[in-house]
Amino acid sequence: MCFSKEMSGSFAFLGLILSFWVYSRTSNLQLAIGVFYFFLMEFLQYFQYLVIDDCDNWWNPVLTLVGYIHICYQPYFTHVINSSLTTSPDKLKAWVPILRLCLVGGTMLMMRYFVAELPGWREQKFASIAETTPDGLSTNPNLPVSTEWLRGEKLCTISGKYHLAWVVPMSDVSYYTPSAAIHSFMMFIPFFILKPDMVIQGFFLFMTGPFLAAWITPNLMEQASIWCFFSIAQIGIMLILIREVLIKKWSKSGKSISETHSADAMPYIDMKFVWPMGVVVPTAEKAGKKGK
């Protein structure tokens, strides 16, 4: 399986259509923004292909850094989608600290790049594929060998064996500095601790995300981009097939997303300043106004 600029562009187009379809059907702006955020990654990958392997072209490291920042906040927007589909005010309150932690954790992960050049923050060095010659990792001899997703010496988007490979300098892991595992923790753990029916979605996201990417390639620089490539397809399946068909069939209400998630009637998290402020219940507010 080989990926390409054209495939990334096609998935970006599908992601854009999906975000507009979701908003037109639900009027749920937070849900649409969550989907739109993952469209941006597909869109970004298209342009990264235009400067791939050209590390001296300033567009390459700029686009690589934008992609890295996007990755850092993916758990936040994943759970923006999840919270936007929650109709119970009590359960919605549980999403507030989760979203806050995702913002903090994402920022901590992002800062690993920005402090990497400070004295004493980055001591670990990486051999290149050309020096270690492991079989099957990449056709690019300049790809670093790392035990951590994305981490290498020079900020650049280069060719992997099948798809883009992102290389990002990061500070060393310490008591104060999280590893890339914080992304995994923030992304998946909420699926398994909030509601039983979310386990299905969390399991699907894991199996078709990092697990599938690792099955396609052992290259840790490439696995992240392959998962990002599949993200729009994952969201579409999770919203339409898993949530609309399976969970709807098993739920007591038996209603679709458009029926149970009208933006005018359902509670939502106040995120005017990105930082979740609390839960707003529109029906309660209207009732309060009528009572005055």
C-alpha atoms as a PDB file:
ATOM      1  CA  MET A   1       0.000   0.000   0.000  1.00  0.00           C
ATOM      2  CA  CYS A   2       1.490   3.329  -1.067  1.00  0.00           C
ATOM      3  CA  PHE A   3       0.017   6.723  -0.276  1.00  0.00           C
ATOM      4  CA  SER A   4       0.310   9.829  -2.434  1.00  0.00           C
ATOM      5  CA  LYS A   5      -0.363  13.522  -2.752  1.00  0.00           C
ATOM      6  CA  GLU A   6      -3.511  12.792  -4.737  1.00  0.00           C
ATOM      7  CA  MET A   7      -4.840  10.421  -2.088  1.00  0.00           C
ATOM      8  CA  SER A   8      -4.229  12.998   0.627  1.00  0.00           C
ATOM      9  CA  GLY A   9      -6.033  15.619  -1.431  1.00  0.00           C
ATOM     10  CA  SER A  10      -8.974  13.302  -2.002  1.00  0.00           C
ATOM     11  CA  PHE A  11      -9.314  12.502   1.694  1.00  0.00           C
ATOM     12  CA  ALA A  12      -9.063  16.214   2.482  1.00  0.00           C
ATOM     13  CA  PHE A  13     -11.972  16.887   0.139  1.00  0.00           C
ATOM     14  CA  LEU A  14     -14.013  14.127   1.787  1.00  0.00           C
ATOM     15  CA  GLY A  15     -13.209  15.578   5.196  1.00  0.00           C
ATOM     16  CA  LEU A  16     -14.385  19.020   4.146  1.00  0.00           C
ATOM     17  CA  ILE A  17     -17.627  17.572   2.773  1.00  0.00           C
ATOM     18  CA  LEU A  18     -18.136  15.539   5.960  1.00  0.00           C
ATOM     19  CA  SER A  19     -17.731  18.583   8.209  1.00  0.00           C
ATOM     20  CA  PHE A  20     -20.299  20.554   6.178  1.00  0.00           C
ATOM     21  CA  TRP A  21     -22.659  17.561   6.085  1.00  0.00           C
ATOM     22  CA  VAL A  22     -22.459  17.174   9.852  1.00  0.00           C
ATOM     23  CA  TYR A  23     -23.201  20.850  10.443  1.00  0.00           C
ATOM     24  CA  SER A  24     -26.050  20.961   7.931  1.00  0.00           C
ATOM     25  CA  ARG A  25     -27.675  17.938   9.543  1.00  0.00           C
ATOM     26  CA  THR A  26     -27.168  18.821  13.198  1.00  0.00           C
ATOM     27  CA  SER A  27     -26.423  22.584  13.429  1.00  0.00           C
ATOM     28  CA  ASN A  28     -23.912  21.404  16.021  1.00  0.00           C
ATOM     29  CA  LEU A  29     -20.991  23.798  15.572  1.00  0.00           C
ATOM     30  CA  GLN A  30     -18.653  22.053  18.022  1.00  0.00           C
ATOM     31  CA  LEU A  31     -19.167  18.720  16.290  1.00  0.00           C
ATOM     32  CA  ALA A  32     -18.494  20.291  12.894  1.00  0.00           C
ATOM     33  CA  ILE A  33     -15.377  22.073  14.181  1.00  0.00           C
ATOM     34  CA  GLY A  34     -14.047  18.786  15.550  1.00  0.00           C
ATOM     35  CA  VAL A  35     -14.462  17.093  12.169  1.00  0.00           C
ATOM     36  CA  PHE A  36     -13.023  20.137  10.379  1.00  0.00           C
ATOM     37  CA  TYR A  37      -9.895  19.987  12.540  1.00  0.00           C
ATOM     38  CA  PHE A  38      -9.046  16.537  11.182  1.00  0.00           C
ATOM     39  CA  PHE A  39      -9.755  17.695   7.635  1.00  0.00           C
ATOM     40  CA  LEU A  40      -6.946  20.215   8.177  1.00  0.00           C
ATOM     41  CA  MET A  41      -4.418  17.401   8.657  1.00  0.00           C
ATOM     42  CA  GLU A  42      -5.362  15.760   5.373  1.00  0.00           C
ATOM     43  CA  PHE A  43      -5.146  19.176   3.718  1.00  0.00           C
ATOM     44  CA  LEU A  44      -1.733  19.770   5.288  1.00  0.00           C
ATOM     45  CA  GLN A  45      -0.376  16.429   4.099  1.00  0.00           C
ATOM     46  CA  TYR A  46      -1.233  17.373   0.512  1.00  0.00           C
ATOM     47  CA  PHE A  47       1.039  20.433   0.727  1.00  0.00           C
ATOM     48  CA  GLN A  48       3.753  18.539   2.573  1.00  0.00           C
ATOM     49  CA  TYR A  49       4.060  16.271  -0.447  1.00  0.00           C
ATOM     50  CA  LEU A  50       4.971  19.327  -2.545  1.00  0.00           C
ATOM     51  CA  VAL A  51       8.164  19.892  -0.514  1.00  0.00           C
ATOM     52  CA  ILE A  52       8.860  16.389   0.766  1.00  0.00           C
ATOM     53  CA  ASP A  53      12.581  15.602   1.353  1.00  0.00           C
ATOM     54  CA  ASP A  54      13.536  19.219   0.594  1.00  0.00           C
ATOM     55  CA  CYS A  55      14.650  20.071   4.124  1.00  0.00           C
ATOM     56  CA  ASP A  56      16.427  23.236   2.966  1.00  0.00           C
ATOM     57  CA  ASN A  57      13.163  24.674   1.653  1.00  0.00           C
ATOM     58  CA  TRP A  58      11.799  26.687   4.592  1.00  0.00           C
ATOM     59  CA  TRP A  59       8.255  25.561   3.753  1.00  0.00           C
ATOM     60  CA  ASN A  60       9.166  21.994   4.673  1.00  0.00           C
ATOM     61  CA  PRO A  61      10.069  22.589   8.354  1.00  0.00           C
ATOM     62  CA  VAL A  62       7.244  25.121   8.723  1.00  0.00           C
ATOM     63  CA  LEU A  63       4.650  22.625   7.486  1.00  0.00           C
ATOM     64  CA  THR A  64       6.262  19.893   9.594  1.00  0.00           C
ATOM     65  CA  LEU A  65       5.965  22.051  12.711  1.00  0.00           C
ATOM     66  CA  VAL A  66       2.347  22.912  11.919  1.00  0.00           C
ATOM     67  CA  GLY A  67       1.666  19.189  11.564  1.00  0.00           C
ATOM     68  CA  TYR A  68       3.334  18.475  14.900  1.00  0.00           C
ATOM     69  CA  ILE A  69       1.267  21.132  16.673  1.00  0.00           C
ATOM     70  CA  HIS A  70      -1.851  19.670  15.056  1.00  0.00           C
ATOM     71  CA  ILE A  71      -0.935  16.236  16.439  1.00  0.00           C
ATOM     72  CA  CYS A  72      -0.457  17.635  19.954  1.00  0.00           C
ATOM     73  CA  TYR A  73      -4.063  18.837  20.111  1.00  0.00           C
ATOM     74  CA  GLN A  74      -5.729  15.928  18.324  1.00  0.00           C
ATOM     75  CA  PRO A  75      -6.941  14.347  21.599  1.00  0.00           C
ATOM     76  CA  TYR A  76      -8.600  17.648  22.531  1.00  0.00           C
ATOM     77  CA  PHE A  77     -10.557  17.850  19.286  1.00  0.00           C
ATOM     78  CA  THR A  78     -11.363  14.130  19.384  1.00  0.00           C
ATOM     79  CA  HIS A  79     -13.092  14.703  22.691  1.00  0.00           C
ATOM     80  CA  VAL A  80     -14.669  17.931  21.485  1.00  0.00           C
ATOM     81  CA  ILE A  81     -16.463  15.621  19.043  1.00  0.00           C
ATOM     82  CA  ASN A  82     -17.361  13.182  21.818  1.00  0.00           C
ATOM     83  CA  SER A  83     -18.593  15.888  24.175  1.00  0.00           C
ATOM     84  CA  SER A  84     -20.636  17.543  21.428  1.00  0.00           C
ATOM     85  CA  LEU A  85     -22.618  14.299  21.102  1.00  0.00           C
ATOM     86  CA  THR A  86     -23.352  14.019  24.826  1.00  0.00           C
ATOM     87  CA  THR A  87     -26.944  14.908  25.687  1.00  0.00           C
ATOM     88  CA  SER A  88     -26.862  14.463  29.473  1.00  0.00           C
ATOM     89  CA  PRO A  89     -25.761  17.607  31.388  1.00  0.00           C
ATOM     90  CA  ASP A  90     -24.357  15.457  34.203  1.00  0.00           C
ATOM     91  CA  LYS A  91     -22.255  13.340  31.839  1.00  0.00           C
ATOM     92  CA  LEU A  92     -21.251  16.424  29.891  1.00  0.00           C
ATOM     93  CA  LYS A  93     -19.726  17.880  33.055  1.00  0.00           C
ATOM     94  CA  ALA A  94     -17.233  14.998  33.070  1.00  0.00           C
ATOM     95  CA  TRP A  95     -15.885  16.192  29.722  1.00  0.00           C
ATOM     96  CA  VAL A  96     -14.873  19.593  31.117  1.00  0.00           C
ATOM     97  CA  PRO A  97     -11.818  18.384  33.112  1.00  0.00           C
ATOM     98  CA  ILE A  98     -10.955  15.885  30.377  1.00  0.00           C
ATOM     99  CA  LEU A  99     -10.819  18.628  27.752  1.00  0.00           C
ATOM    100  CA  ARG A 100      -8.791  20.838  30.072  1.00  0.00           C
ATOM    101  CA  LEU A 101      -6.293  18.043  30.668  1.00  0.00           C
ATOM    102  CA  CYS A 102      -6.049  17.459  26.909  1.00  0.00           C
ATOM    103  CA  LEU A 103      -5.147  21.122  26.402  1.00  0.00           C
ATOM    104  CA  VAL A 104      -2.525  21.025  29.140  1.00  0.00           C
ATOM    105  CA  GLY A 105      -1.093  17.689  27.995  1.00  0.00           C
ATOM    106  CA  GLY A 106      -1.038  18.801  24.358  1.00  0.00           C
ATOM    107  CA  THR A 107       0.803  21.983  25.300  1.00  0.00           C
ATOM    108  CA  MET A 108       3.359  20.009  27.325  1.00  0.00           C
ATOM    109  CA  LEU A 109       3.976  17.752  24.330  1.00  0.00           C
ATOM    110  CA  MET A 110       4.233  20.723  21.975  1.00  0.00           C
ATOM    111  CA  MET A 111       6.763  22.471  24.219  1.00  0.00           C
ATOM    112  CA  ARG A 112       9.161  19.552  23.804  1.00  0.00           C
ATOM    113  CA  TYR A 113      10.020  21.002  20.407  1.00  0.00           C
ATOM    114  CA  PHE A 114      10.369  24.601  21.539  1.00  0.00           C
ATOM    115  CA  VAL A 115      12.726  23.812  24.438  1.00  0.00           C
ATOM    116  CA  ALA A 116      14.711  21.147  22.579  1.00  0.00           C
ATOM    117  CA  GLU A 117      17.564  23.530  21.745  1.00  0.00           C
ATOM    118  CA  LEU A 118      17.973  24.859  25.282  1.00  0.00           C
ATOM    119  CA  PRO A 119      21.172  23.715  27.050  1.00  0.00           C
ATOM    120  CA  GLY A 120      20.694  20.456  28.912  1.00  0.00           C
ATOM    121  CA  TRP A 121      17.268  19.672  27.487  1.00  0.00           C
ATOM    122  CA  ARG A 122      18.339  17.423  24.597  1.00  0.00           C
ATOM    123  CA  GLU A 123      21.270  15.091  25.103  1.00  0.00           C
ATOM    124  CA  GLN A 124      20.062  11.979  23.274  1.00  0.00           C
ATOM    125  CA  LYS A 125      21.403  11.508  19.749  1.00  0.00           C
ATOM    126  CA  PHE A 126      19.980   9.382  16.967  1.00  0.00           C
ATOM    127  CA  ALA A 127      21.676   7.174  14.438  1.00  0.00           C
ATOM    128  CA  SER A 128      20.395   7.224  10.890  1.00  0.00           C
ATOM    129  CA  ILE A 129      19.029   4.280   8.954  1.00  0.00           C
ATOM    130  CA  ALA A 130      22.158   4.360   6.828  1.00  0.00           C
ATOM    131  CA  GLU A 131      24.269   3.724   9.936  1.00  0.00           C
ATOM    132  CA  THR A 132      22.126   0.997  11.473  1.00  0.00           C
ATOM    133  CA  THR A 133      20.594  -0.522   8.323  1.00  0.00           C
ATOM    134  CA  PRO A 134      17.529  -2.205   9.879  1.00  0.00           C
ATOM    135  CA  ASP A 135      15.503  -4.044   7.277  1.00  0.00           C
ATOM    136  CA  GLY A 136      12.196  -2.734   6.044  1.00  0.00           C
ATOM    137  CA  LEU A 137      11.942   0.556   7.924  1.00  0.00           C
ATOM    138  CA  SER A 138      12.283   3.012   5.072  1.00  0.00           C
ATOM    139  CA  THR A 139      13.701   3.703   1.657  1.00  0.00           C
ATOM    140  CA  ASN A 140      15.121   6.970   3.013  1.00  0.00           C
ATOM    141  CA  PRO A 141      18.647   6.528   4.471  1.00  0.00           C
ATOM    142  CA  ASN A 142      18.405   9.811   6.425  1.00  0.00           C
ATOM    143  CA  LEU A 143      15.480   8.714   8.579  1.00  0.00           C
ATOM    144  CA  PRO A 144      16.475   8.622  12.260  1.00  0.00           C
ATOM    145  CA  VAL A 145      16.159   5.505  14.371  1.00  0.00           C
ATOM    146  CA  SER A 146      14.129   6.323  17.472  1.00  0.00           C
ATOM    147  CA  THR A 147      12.105   4.541  20.119  1.00  0.00           C
ATOM    148  CA  GLU A 148       9.566   7.361  20.158  1.00  0.00           C
ATOM    149  CA  TRP A 149       7.083   8.536  17.546  1.00  0.00           C
ATOM    150  CA  LEU A 150       8.342  11.461  15.426  1.00  0.00           C
ATOM    151  CA  ARG A 151      11.466  12.219  17.425  1.00  0.00           C
ATOM    152  CA  GLY A 152      14.676  12.895  15.516  1.00  0.00           C
ATOM    153  CA  GLU A 153      17.439  15.438  14.970  1.00  0.00           C
ATOM    154  CA  LYS A 154      16.233  17.826  12.256  1.00  0.00           C
ATOM    155  CA  LEU A 155      12.743  19.231  11.697  1.00  0.00           C
ATOM    156  CA  CYS A 156      11.691  17.921   8.292  1.00  0.00           C
ATOM    157  CA  THR A 157       9.086  15.946   6.361  1.00  0.00           C
ATOM    158  CA  ILE A 158      10.796  13.158   4.432  1.00  0.00           C
ATOM    159  CA  SER A 159       9.802  10.055   2.510  1.00  0.00           C
ATOM    160  CA  GLY A 160       8.916   6.952   4.441  1.00  0.00           C
ATOM    161  CA  LYS A 161       8.507   3.554   2.875  1.00  0.00           C
ATOM    162  CA  TYR A 162       4.824   4.127   2.097  1.00  0.00           C
ATOM    163  CA  HIS A 163       3.888   7.651   3.144  1.00  0.00           C
ATOM    164  CA  LEU A 164       5.176  10.870   4.667  1.00  0.00           C
ATOM    165  CA  ALA A 165       7.567  10.582   7.590  1.00  0.00           C
ATOM    166  CA  TRP A 166       7.763  13.424  10.093  1.00  0.00           C
ATOM    167  CA  VAL A 167      10.971  14.131  11.989  1.00  0.00           C
ATOM    168  CA  VAL A 168      10.710  16.518  14.942  1.00  0.00           C
ATOM    169  CA  PRO A 169      13.461  17.463  17.423  1.00  0.00           C
ATOM    170  CA  MET A 170      12.198  17.021  20.989  1.00  0.00           C
ATOM    171  CA  SER A 171      13.645  17.503  24.446  1.00  0.00           C
ATOM    172  CA  ASP A 172      14.558  14.427  26.451  1.00  0.00           C
ATOM    173  CA  VAL A 173      11.890  12.719  28.532  1.00  0.00           C
ATOM    174  CA  SER A 174      12.126  13.454  32.246  1.00  0.00           C
ATOM    175  CA  TYR A 175       9.963  13.831  35.338  1.00  0.00           C
ATOM    176  CA  TYR A 176       8.926  17.230  33.984  1.00  0.00           C
ATOM    177  CA  THR A 177       8.731  16.281  30.304  1.00  0.00           C
ATOM    178  CA  PRO A 178       6.193  13.727  29.024  1.00  0.00           C
ATOM    179  CA  SER A 179       6.934  11.229  26.303  1.00  0.00           C
ATOM    180  CA  ALA A 180       4.753  10.880  23.219  1.00  0.00           C
ATOM    181  CA  ALA A 181       2.737   8.364  25.253  1.00  0.00           C
ATOM    182  CA  ILE A 182       0.799  11.272  26.743  1.00  0.00           C
ATOM    183  CA  HIS A 183      -0.897  11.597  23.351  1.00  0.00           C
ATOM    184  CA  SER A 184      -2.018   7.971  23.536  1.00  0.00           C
ATOM    185  CA  PHE A 185      -3.238   8.383  27.109  1.00  0.00           C
ATOM    186  CA  MET A 186      -5.288  11.498  26.364  1.00  0.00           C
ATOM    187  CA  MET A 187      -6.666  10.074  23.136  1.00  0.00           C
ATOM    188  CA  PHE A 188      -7.890   6.669  24.326  1.00  0.00           C
ATOM    189  CA  ILE A 189      -8.397   6.518  28.092  1.00  0.00           C
ATOM    190  CA  PRO A 190     -11.552   8.717  28.128  1.00  0.00           C
ATOM    191  CA  PHE A 191     -13.276   6.212  25.822  1.00  0.00           C
ATOM    192  CA  PHE A 192     -12.869   3.495  28.444  1.00  0.00           C
ATOM    193  CA  ILE A 193     -13.813   5.338  31.630  1.00  0.00           C
ATOM    194  CA  LEU A 194     -16.914   7.407  30.872  1.00  0.00           C
ATOM    195  CA  LYS A 195     -19.673   5.376  29.226  1.00  0.00           C
ATOM    196  CA  PRO A 196     -19.883   1.646  28.323  1.00  0.00           C
ATOM    197  CA  ASP A 197     -21.001   2.299  24.745  1.00  0.00           C
ATOM    198  CA  MET A 198     -17.913   4.454  24.114  1.00  0.00           C
ATOM    199  CA  VAL A 199     -15.669   1.409  24.502  1.00  0.00           C
ATOM    200  CA  ILE A 200     -16.740   0.302  21.013  1.00  0.00           C
ATOM    201  CA  GLN A 201     -15.642   3.597  19.515  1.00  0.00           C
ATOM    202  CA  GLY A 202     -12.388   3.659  21.478  1.00  0.00           C
ATOM    203  CA  PHE A 203     -11.504   0.121  20.443  1.00  0.00           C
ATOM    204  CA  PHE A 204     -12.284   0.896  16.803  1.00  0.00           C
ATOM    205  CA  LEU A 205     -10.212   4.098  16.906  1.00  0.00           C
ATOM    206  CA  PHE A 206      -7.222   2.241  18.361  1.00  0.00           C
ATOM    207  CA  MET A 207      -7.375  -0.731  15.998  1.00  0.00           C
ATOM    208  CA  THR A 208      -7.758   1.409  12.851  1.00  0.00           C
ATOM    209  CA  GLY A 209      -5.312   4.036  14.099  1.00  0.00           C
ATOM    210  CA  PRO A 210      -1.978   3.269  15.782  1.00  0.00           C
ATOM    211  CA  PHE A 211      -2.426  -0.506  15.613  1.00  0.00           C
ATOM    212  CA  LEU A 212      -3.120  -0.509  11.861  1.00  0.00           C
ATOM    213  CA  ALA A 213      -0.322   2.004  11.221  1.00  0.00           C
ATOM    214  CA  ALA A 214       2.143  -0.206  13.138  1.00  0.00           C
ATOM    215  CA  TRP A 215       0.974  -3.218  11.115  1.00  0.00           C
ATOM    216  CA  ILE A 216       1.631  -1.359   7.847  1.00  0.00           C
ATOM    217  CA  THR A 217       5.093  -0.119   8.838  1.00  0.00           C
ATOM    218  CA  PRO A 218       7.455  -0.410  11.834  1.00  0.00           C
ATOM    219  CA  ASN A 219       8.750   3.086  10.999  1.00  0.00           C
ATOM    220  CA  LEU A 220       7.870   5.312  13.982  1.00  0.00           C
ATOM    221  CA  MET A 221       8.182   8.507  11.913  1.00  0.00           C
ATOM    222  CA  GLU A 222       5.725   7.148   9.370  1.00  0.00           C
ATOM    223  CA  GLN A 223       3.158   5.520  11.657  1.00  0.00           C
ATOM    224  CA  ALA A 224       1.865   8.888  12.858  1.00  0.00           C
ATOM    225  CA  SER A 225       1.268  10.212   9.341  1.00  0.00           C
ATOM    226  CA  ILE A 226      -0.461   6.990   8.256  1.00  0.00           C
ATOM    227  CA  TRP A 227      -2.833   7.199  11.205  1.00  0.00           C
ATOM    228  CA  CYS A 228      -3.514  10.857  10.378  1.00  0.00           C
ATOM    229  CA  PHE A 229      -4.217   9.829   6.784  1.00  0.00           C
ATOM    230  CA  PHE A 230      -6.950   7.463   8.006  1.00  0.00           C
ATOM    231  CA  SER A 231      -8.437   9.940  10.509  1.00  0.00           C
ATOM    232  CA  ILE A 232     -11.264  11.288   8.343  1.00  0.00           C
ATOM    233  CA  ALA A 233     -12.325   7.770   7.385  1.00  0.00           C
ATOM    234  CA  GLN A 234     -12.271   6.824  11.077  1.00  0.00           C
ATOM    235  CA  ILE A 235     -14.470   9.762  12.041  1.00  0.00           C
ATOM    236  CA  GLY A 236     -16.932   9.047   9.248  1.00  0.00           C
ATOM    237  CA  ILE A 237     -17.267   5.399  10.272  1.00  0.00           C
ATOM    238  CA  MET A 238     -17.510   6.238  13.977  1.00  0.00           C
ATOM    239  CA  LEU A 239     -20.236   8.829  13.414  1.00  0.00           C
ATOM    240  CA  ILE A 240     -22.262   7.126  10.702  1.00  0.00           C
ATOM    241  CA  LEU A 241     -21.795   3.381  11.164  1.00  0.00           C
ATOM    242  CA  ILE A 242     -20.906   2.825  14.811  1.00  0.00           C
ATOM    243  CA  ARG A 243     -22.920   5.621  16.418  1.00  0.00           C
ATOM    244  CA  GLU A 244     -25.850   5.875  14.002  1.00  0.00           C
ATOM    245  CA  VAL A 245     -26.306   2.165  13.325  1.00  0.00           C
ATOM    246  CA  LEU A 246     -24.884   0.050  16.163  1.00  0.00           C
ATOM    247  CA  ILE A 247     -25.268   2.286  19.205  1.00  0.00           C
ATOM    248  CA  LYS A 248     -28.552   3.735  17.953  1.00  0.00           C
ATOM    249  CA  LYS A 249     -29.903   0.208  17.539  1.00  0.00           C
ATOM    250  CA  TRP A 250     -28.895  -0.756  21.082  1.00  0.00           C
ATOM    251  CA  SER A 251     -29.890   2.515  22.770  1.00  0.00           C
ATOM    252  CA  LYS A 252     -33.258   3.049  24.407  1.00  0.00           C
ATOM    253  CA  SER A 253     -34.001   6.241  22.512  1.00  0.00           C
ATOM    254  CA  GLY A 254     -33.364   4.765  19.082  1.00  0.00           C
ATOM    255  CA  LYS A 255     -32.875   8.247  17.655  1.00  0.00           C
ATOM    256  CA  SER A 256     -30.299   9.448  15.176  1.00  0.00           C
ATOM    257  CA  ILE A 257     -27.686  12.144  15.686  1.00  0.00           C
ATOM    258  CA  SER A 258     -29.830  14.779  13.986  1.00  0.00           C
ATOM    259  CA  GLU A 259     -32.807  13.867  16.193  1.00  0.00           C
ATOM    260  CA  THR A 260     -31.027  13.744  19.533  1.00  0.00           C
ATOM    261  CA  HIS A 261     -28.337  16.365  19.030  1.00  0.00           C
ATOM    262  CA  SER A 262     -30.113  19.491  17.890  1.00  0.00           C
ATOM    263  CA  ALA A 263     -27.906  22.438  18.768  1.00  0.00           C
ATOM    264  CA  ASP A 264     -30.926  24.455  19.966  1.00  0.00           C
ATOM    265  CA  ALA A 265     -32.049  21.920  22.559  1.00  0.00           C
ATOM    266  CA  MET A 266     -29.017  20.041  23.831  1.00  0.00           C
ATOM    267  CA  PRO A 267     -26.590  21.140  26.560  1.00  0.00           C
ATOM    268  CA  TYR A 268     -23.085  22.073  25.515  1.00  0.00           C
ATOM    269  CA  ILE A 269     -19.714  23.050  26.929  1.00  0.00           C
ATOM    270  CA  ASP A 270     -18.898  26.739  26.924  1.00  0.00           C
ATOM    271  CA  MET A 271     -15.624  26.937  24.969  1.00  0.00           C
ATOM    272  CA  LYS A 272     -15.655  30.539  23.811  1.00  0.00           C
ATOM    273  CA  PHE A 273     -11.984  30.882  24.717  1.00  0.00           C
ATOM    274  CA  VAL A 274     -10.998  27.268  23.821  1.00  0.00           C
ATOM    275  CA  TRP A 275     -10.588  26.519  27.545  1.00  0.00           C
ATOM    276  CA  PRO A 276     -13.792  24.708  28.670  1.00  0.00           C
ATOM    277  CA  MET A 277     -15.592  26.973  31.118  1.00  0.00           C
ATOM    278  CA  GLY A 278     -18.537  24.775  32.097  1.00  0.00           C
ATOM    279  CA  VAL A 279     -21.802  23.297  30.878  1.00  0.00           C
ATOM    280  CA  VAL A 280     -24.611  25.407  29.436  1.00  0.00           C
ATOM    281  CA  VAL A 281     -28.172  24.043  29.342  1.00  0.00           C
ATOM    282  CA  PRO A 282     -30.220  26.129  26.868  1.00  0.00           C
ATOM    283  CA  THR A 283     -33.586  24.736  27.915  1.00  0.00           C
ATOM    284  CA  ALA A 284     -32.965  25.674  31.526  1.00  0.00           C
ATOM    285  CA  GLU A 285     -32.009  29.195  30.512  1.00  0.00           C
ATOM    286  CA  LYS A 286     -35.159  29.599  28.464  1.00  0.00           C
ATOM    287  CA  ALA A 287     -37.244  28.292  31.317  1.00  0.00           C
ATOM    288  CA  GLY A 288     -35.588  30.778  33.649  1.00  0.00           C
ATOM    289  CA  LYS A 289     -36.364  33.672  31.326  1.00  0.00           C
ATOM    290  CA  LYS A 290     -40.004  32.676  31.096  1.00  0.00           C
ATOM    291  CA  GLY A 291     -40.258  32.554  34.862  1.00  0.00           C
ATOM    292  CA  LYS A 292     -39.106  36.161  35.293  1.00  0.00           C
END
